[in-house]
Amino acid sequence: MSAIIKFADHHPSQSLGQSLGQSLGQSLGQALVPESLEEQFDSINSPETPLDQKLACALACITHLQTRVGDMRGKLAKAEREVALRETLLRNATLRERELRAQMTGKFL
């Protein structure tokens, strides 16, 4: 649906701003609902898609991808912290093992 107000869609009880806001909201809402990003990309690249819908779809894609990148960065930071913790635990366990081996060999000598 186009963000341009059609006279048939305008109701006298609504202001022009409300009608435009609803039309744009519906257009953006439709852009946020597609099943996959690939369909959004296809919609953006399609010559039949109106420009305002392409822009709304592109904005939805960008927002979705930015969200995913942020989530992935958070997960990566968490994984890096876990790896650092496990490396520290491994070093501590290795040192403790060496200490125990040294104690054991001292007792047998």
N, C-alpha and C. Protein backbone atom coordinates (compact mmCIF):
# COMPACT_ATOMS: atom_id res chain seq x y z
N MET A 1 0.85 -1.17 0.00
CA MET A 1 0.00 0.00 0.00
C MET A 1 0.89 1.23 0.00
N SER A 2 0.50 2.19 -0.75
CA SER A 2 1.26 3.41 -0.87
C SER A 2 1.01 4.32 0.33
N ALA A 3 2.01 5.13 0.65
CA ALA A 3 1.86 6.08 1.74
C ALA A 3 1.06 7.30 1.29
N ILE A 4 0.79 7.40 -0.01
CA ILE A 4 -0.01 8.50 -0.54
C ILE A 4 -1.47 8.25 -0.18
N ILE A 5 -2.13 9.27 0.32
CA ILE A 5 -3.53 9.13 0.75
C ILE A 5 -4.43 9.13 -0.47
N LYS A 6 -5.26 8.15 -0.54
CA LYS A 6 -6.28 8.10 -1.58
C LYS A 6 -7.54 8.71 -1.00
N PHE A 7 -8.29 9.46 -1.82
CA PHE A 7 -9.49 10.12 -1.30
C PHE A 7 -10.50 9.12 -0.80
N ALA A 8 -10.52 7.93 -1.38
CA ALA A 8 -11.48 6.92 -0.94
C ALA A 8 -11.13 6.42 0.46
N ASP A 9 -9.85 6.49 0.84
CA ASP A 9 -9.42 6.03 2.15
C ASP A 9 -9.61 7.08 3.24
N HIS A 10 -9.86 8.32 2.83
CA HIS A 10 -9.97 9.41 3.81
C HIS A 10 -11.38 9.47 4.36
N HIS A 11 -11.47 9.49 5.68
CA HIS A 11 -12.76 9.62 6.35
C HIS A 11 -12.83 11.01 6.95
N PRO A 12 -13.96 11.71 6.80
CA PRO A 12 -14.05 13.08 7.30
C PRO A 12 -13.75 13.20 8.78
N SER A 13 -13.95 12.15 9.57
CA SER A 13 -13.70 12.24 11.00
C SER A 13 -12.21 12.19 11.32
N GLN A 14 -11.39 11.81 10.35
CA GLN A 14 -9.96 11.73 10.57
C GLN A 14 -9.27 12.96 10.01
N SER A 15 -8.23 13.37 10.68
CA SER A 15 -7.45 14.48 10.14
C SER A 15 -6.54 13.93 9.05
N LEU A 16 -6.00 14.81 8.26
CA LEU A 16 -5.10 14.40 7.18
C LEU A 16 -3.87 13.70 7.76
N GLY A 17 -3.36 14.20 8.88
CA GLY A 17 -2.17 13.60 9.51
C GLY A 17 -2.45 12.19 10.00
N GLN A 18 -3.67 11.95 10.55
CA GLN A 18 -4.01 10.61 11.00
C GLN A 18 -4.07 9.65 9.83
N SER A 19 -4.69 10.09 8.72
CA SER A 19 -4.80 9.23 7.54
C SER A 19 -3.43 8.90 6.98
N LEU A 20 -2.57 9.92 6.87
CA LEU A 20 -1.22 9.70 6.36
C LEU A 20 -0.44 8.78 7.29
N GLY A 21 -0.58 9.01 8.60
CA GLY A 21 0.11 8.16 9.57
C GLY A 21 -0.33 6.72 9.49
N GLN A 22 -1.64 6.51 9.31
CA GLN A 22 -2.15 5.14 9.20
C GLN A 22 -1.66 4.49 7.92
N SER A 23 -1.69 5.23 6.80
CA SER A 23 -1.23 4.68 5.53
C SER A 23 0.24 4.31 5.60
N LEU A 24 1.04 5.21 6.15
CA LEU A 24 2.47 4.95 6.27
C LEU A 24 2.72 3.81 7.25
N GLY A 25 1.97 3.80 8.36
CA GLY A 25 2.11 2.72 9.33
C GLY A 25 1.76 1.37 8.74
N GLN A 26 0.70 1.33 7.93
CA GLN A 26 0.33 0.08 7.28
C GLN A 26 1.41 -0.34 6.30
N SER A 27 1.96 0.63 5.57
CA SER A 27 3.02 0.33 4.61
C SER A 27 4.25 -0.20 5.32
N LEU A 28 4.64 0.45 6.42
CA LEU A 28 5.79 -0.01 7.19
C LEU A 28 5.49 -1.35 7.85
N GLY A 29 4.26 -1.52 8.34
CA GLY A 29 3.86 -2.78 8.96
C GLY A 29 3.98 -3.93 7.99
N GLN A 30 3.57 -3.69 6.76
CA GLN A 30 3.67 -4.74 5.75
C GLN A 30 5.14 -5.06 5.46
N ALA A 31 5.99 -4.04 5.52
CA ALA A 31 7.41 -4.27 5.24
C ALA A 31 8.07 -5.05 6.37
N LEU A 32 7.51 -5.00 7.58
CA LEU A 32 8.12 -5.69 8.71
C LEU A 32 7.64 -7.13 8.84
N VAL A 33 6.62 -7.52 8.10
CA VAL A 33 6.01 -8.83 8.28
C VAL A 33 6.57 -9.95 7.40
N PRO A 34 7.37 -9.69 6.35
CA PRO A 34 7.74 -10.77 5.43
C PRO A 34 8.38 -11.95 6.12
N GLU A 35 8.27 -13.10 5.44
CA GLU A 35 8.72 -14.35 6.04
C GLU A 35 10.24 -14.43 6.16
N SER A 36 10.97 -13.80 5.26
CA SER A 36 12.42 -13.92 5.33
C SER A 36 13.09 -12.67 4.77
N LEU A 37 14.34 -12.51 5.12
CA LEU A 37 15.09 -11.37 4.58
C LEU A 37 15.25 -11.49 3.07
N GLU A 38 15.36 -12.71 2.59
CA GLU A 38 15.51 -12.90 1.16
C GLU A 38 14.30 -12.35 0.41
N GLU A 39 13.11 -12.56 0.97
CA GLU A 39 11.91 -12.02 0.35
C GLU A 39 11.93 -10.49 0.39
N GLN A 40 12.45 -9.93 1.48
CA GLN A 40 12.56 -8.47 1.56
C GLN A 40 13.51 -7.95 0.50
N PHE A 41 14.66 -8.62 0.33
CA PHE A 41 15.62 -8.20 -0.68
C PHE A 41 15.00 -8.30 -2.08
N ASP A 42 14.26 -9.39 -2.32
CA ASP A 42 13.59 -9.54 -3.61
C ASP A 42 12.58 -8.42 -3.83
N SER A 43 11.87 -8.05 -2.78
CA SER A 43 10.88 -6.99 -2.88
C SER A 43 11.57 -5.65 -3.18
N ILE A 44 12.71 -5.41 -2.56
CA ILE A 44 13.44 -4.16 -2.79
C ILE A 44 13.94 -4.10 -4.23
N ASN A 45 14.39 -5.21 -4.76
CA ASN A 45 14.97 -5.25 -6.10
C ASN A 45 13.93 -5.38 -7.20
N SER A 46 12.70 -5.65 -6.85
CA SER A 46 11.65 -5.83 -7.84
C SER A 46 11.28 -4.50 -8.48
N PRO A 47 11.22 -4.45 -9.82
CA PRO A 47 10.84 -3.19 -10.48
C PRO A 47 9.36 -2.85 -10.27
N GLU A 48 8.53 -3.83 -9.92
CA GLU A 48 7.10 -3.58 -9.74
C GLU A 48 6.78 -2.95 -8.38
N THR A 49 7.70 -3.06 -7.42
CA THR A 49 7.45 -2.55 -6.07
C THR A 49 7.52 -1.02 -6.07
N PRO A 50 6.51 -0.35 -5.51
CA PRO A 50 6.54 1.12 -5.43
C PRO A 50 7.72 1.59 -4.57
N LEU A 51 8.20 2.80 -4.89
CA LEU A 51 9.39 3.33 -4.23
C LEU A 51 9.22 3.45 -2.73
N ASP A 52 8.06 3.92 -2.26
CA ASP A 52 7.88 4.08 -0.81
C ASP A 52 7.90 2.73 -0.10
N GLN A 53 7.40 1.70 -0.77
CA GLN A 53 7.43 0.36 -0.17
C GLN A 53 8.86 -0.18 -0.19
N LYS A 54 9.62 0.14 -1.25
CA LYS A 54 11.02 -0.28 -1.30
C LYS A 54 11.80 0.35 -0.15
N LEU A 55 11.55 1.65 0.07
CA LEU A 55 12.26 2.34 1.14
C LEU A 55 11.90 1.78 2.51
N ALA A 56 10.60 1.51 2.71
CA ALA A 56 10.17 0.95 3.99
C ALA A 56 10.76 -0.44 4.19
N CYS A 57 10.79 -1.20 3.12
CA CYS A 57 11.32 -2.57 3.19
C CYS A 57 12.84 -2.52 3.45
N ALA A 58 13.53 -1.60 2.78
CA ALA A 58 14.97 -1.46 2.99
C ALA A 58 15.26 -1.04 4.42
N LEU A 59 14.47 -0.11 4.95
CA LEU A 59 14.65 0.32 6.33
C LEU A 59 14.42 -0.84 7.30
N ALA A 60 13.39 -1.65 7.02
CA ALA A 60 13.12 -2.81 7.87
C ALA A 60 14.28 -3.80 7.81
N CYS A 61 14.83 -4.01 6.62
CA CYS A 61 15.99 -4.92 6.46
C CYS A 61 17.18 -4.40 7.25
N ILE A 62 17.46 -3.12 7.11
CA ILE A 62 18.60 -2.53 7.79
C ILE A 62 18.44 -2.64 9.30
N THR A 63 17.24 -2.31 9.79
CA THR A 63 16.99 -2.39 11.22
C THR A 63 17.14 -3.82 11.73
N HIS A 64 16.58 -4.77 10.97
CA HIS A 64 16.67 -6.18 11.36
C HIS A 64 18.13 -6.64 11.39
N LEU A 65 18.88 -6.28 10.36
CA LEU A 65 20.28 -6.70 10.30
C LEU A 65 21.11 -6.04 11.40
N GLN A 66 20.83 -4.77 11.69
CA GLN A 66 21.55 -4.10 12.79
C GLN A 66 21.26 -4.79 14.12
N THR A 67 20.01 -5.18 14.31
CA THR A 67 19.64 -5.90 15.54
C THR A 67 20.38 -7.22 15.62
N ARG A 68 20.41 -7.95 14.51
CA ARG A 68 21.11 -9.24 14.49
C ARG A 68 22.60 -9.08 14.74
N VAL A 69 23.21 -8.04 14.14
CA VAL A 69 24.64 -7.79 14.36
C VAL A 69 24.89 -7.48 15.84
N GLY A 70 24.02 -6.66 16.43
CA GLY A 70 24.16 -6.35 17.85
C GLY A 70 24.05 -7.59 18.72
N ASP A 71 23.07 -8.45 18.40
CA ASP A 71 22.91 -9.70 19.14
C ASP A 71 24.15 -10.59 19.00
N MET A 72 24.65 -10.68 17.77
CA MET A 72 25.82 -11.52 17.53
C MET A 72 27.06 -10.98 18.25
N ARG A 73 27.20 -9.65 18.27
CA ARG A 73 28.33 -9.05 19.00
C ARG A 73 28.24 -9.36 20.49
N GLY A 74 27.02 -9.31 21.02
CA GLY A 74 26.82 -9.64 22.43
C GLY A 74 27.18 -11.09 22.70
N LYS A 75 26.74 -11.99 21.82
CA LYS A 75 27.05 -13.41 21.98
C LYS A 75 28.55 -13.65 21.84
N LEU A 76 29.19 -12.94 20.90
CA LEU A 76 30.63 -13.10 20.72
C LEU A 76 31.38 -12.63 21.96
N ALA A 77 30.97 -11.50 22.53
CA ALA A 77 31.63 -10.99 23.74
C ALA A 77 31.45 -11.98 24.89
N LYS A 78 30.26 -12.56 25.01
CA LYS A 78 30.01 -13.55 26.06
C LYS A 78 30.89 -14.78 25.85
N ALA A 79 30.98 -15.25 24.60
CA ALA A 79 31.81 -16.42 24.30
C ALA A 79 33.28 -16.13 24.58
N GLU A 80 33.73 -14.91 24.26
CA GLU A 80 35.13 -14.56 24.54
C GLU A 80 35.40 -14.56 26.04
N ARG A 81 34.45 -14.06 26.82
CA ARG A 81 34.62 -14.08 28.28
C ARG A 81 34.66 -15.52 28.80
N GLU A 82 33.80 -16.38 28.25
CA GLU A 82 33.79 -17.79 28.68
C GLU A 82 35.10 -18.47 28.32
N VAL A 83 35.62 -18.19 27.13
CA VAL A 83 36.90 -18.79 26.71
C VAL A 83 38.02 -18.32 27.64
N ALA A 84 38.04 -17.02 27.95
CA ALA A 84 39.07 -16.50 28.85
C ALA A 84 38.97 -17.15 30.23
N LEU A 85 37.76 -17.32 30.72
CA LEU A 85 37.56 -17.97 32.02
C LEU A 85 38.03 -19.42 31.98
N ARG A 86 37.68 -20.13 30.92
CA ARG A 86 38.09 -21.54 30.82
C ARG A 86 39.61 -21.67 30.67
N GLU A 87 40.23 -20.72 29.96
CA GLU A 87 41.69 -20.74 29.85
C GLU A 87 42.33 -20.53 31.22
N THR A 88 41.75 -19.63 32.00
CA THR A 88 42.26 -19.39 33.35
C THR A 88 42.08 -20.63 34.21
N LEU A 89 40.93 -21.25 34.13
CA LEU A 89 40.68 -22.49 34.89
C LEU A 89 41.64 -23.59 34.47
N LEU A 90 41.90 -23.70 33.17
CA LEU A 90 42.82 -24.73 32.68
C LEU A 90 44.24 -24.46 33.19
N ARG A 91 44.68 -23.20 33.14
CA ARG A 91 46.01 -22.86 33.67
C ARG A 91 46.11 -23.20 35.15
N ASN A 92 45.07 -22.84 35.90
CA ASN A 92 45.07 -23.14 37.35
C ASN A 92 45.11 -24.65 37.60
N ALA A 93 44.34 -25.39 36.82
CA ALA A 93 44.32 -26.85 37.00
C ALA A 93 45.67 -27.45 36.63
N THR A 94 46.30 -26.93 35.58
CA THR A 94 47.61 -27.42 35.18
C THR A 94 48.65 -27.13 36.26
N LEU A 95 48.62 -25.92 36.81
CA LEU A 95 49.54 -25.59 37.89
C LEU A 95 49.31 -26.46 39.11
N ARG A 96 48.06 -26.68 39.46
CA ARG A 96 47.74 -27.53 40.62
C ARG A 96 48.22 -28.95 40.38
N GLU A 97 48.05 -29.44 39.15
CA GLU A 97 48.52 -30.79 38.82
C GLU A 97 50.04 -30.88 39.00
N ARG A 98 50.77 -29.87 38.53
CA ARG A 98 52.23 -29.86 38.68
C ARG A 98 52.62 -29.84 40.15
N GLU A 99 51.90 -29.04 40.93
CA GLU A 99 52.20 -28.98 42.37
C GLU A 99 51.97 -30.35 43.02
N LEU A 100 50.86 -31.00 42.68
CA LEU A 100 50.57 -32.32 43.25
C LEU A 100 51.59 -33.35 42.81
N ARG A 101 52.00 -33.29 41.54
CA ARG A 101 53.03 -34.23 41.06
C ARG A 101 54.35 -34.00 41.79
N ALA A 102 54.68 -32.74 42.02
CA ALA A 102 55.92 -32.44 42.74
C ALA A 102 55.85 -32.95 44.16
N GLN A 103 54.70 -32.80 44.82
CA GLN A 103 54.52 -33.32 46.17
C GLN A 103 54.61 -34.84 46.18
N MET A 104 53.99 -35.49 45.19
CA MET A 104 54.00 -36.96 45.13
C MET A 104 55.42 -37.48 44.91
N THR A 105 56.17 -36.85 44.03
CA THR A 105 57.54 -37.34 43.79
C THR A 105 58.43 -37.06 44.99
N GLY A 106 58.14 -35.99 45.73
CA GLY A 106 58.90 -35.68 46.94
C GLY A 106 58.67 -36.71 48.02
N LYS A 107 57.48 -37.25 48.11
CA LYS A 107 57.15 -38.24 49.12
C LYS A 107 57.81 -39.59 48.81
N PHE A 108 57.95 -39.88 47.52
CA PHE A 108 58.51 -41.17 47.13
C PHE A 108 60.02 -41.18 47.15
N LEU A 109 60.63 -40.04 47.17
CA LEU A 109 62.10 -40.02 47.16
C LEU A 109 62.67 -40.14 48.50
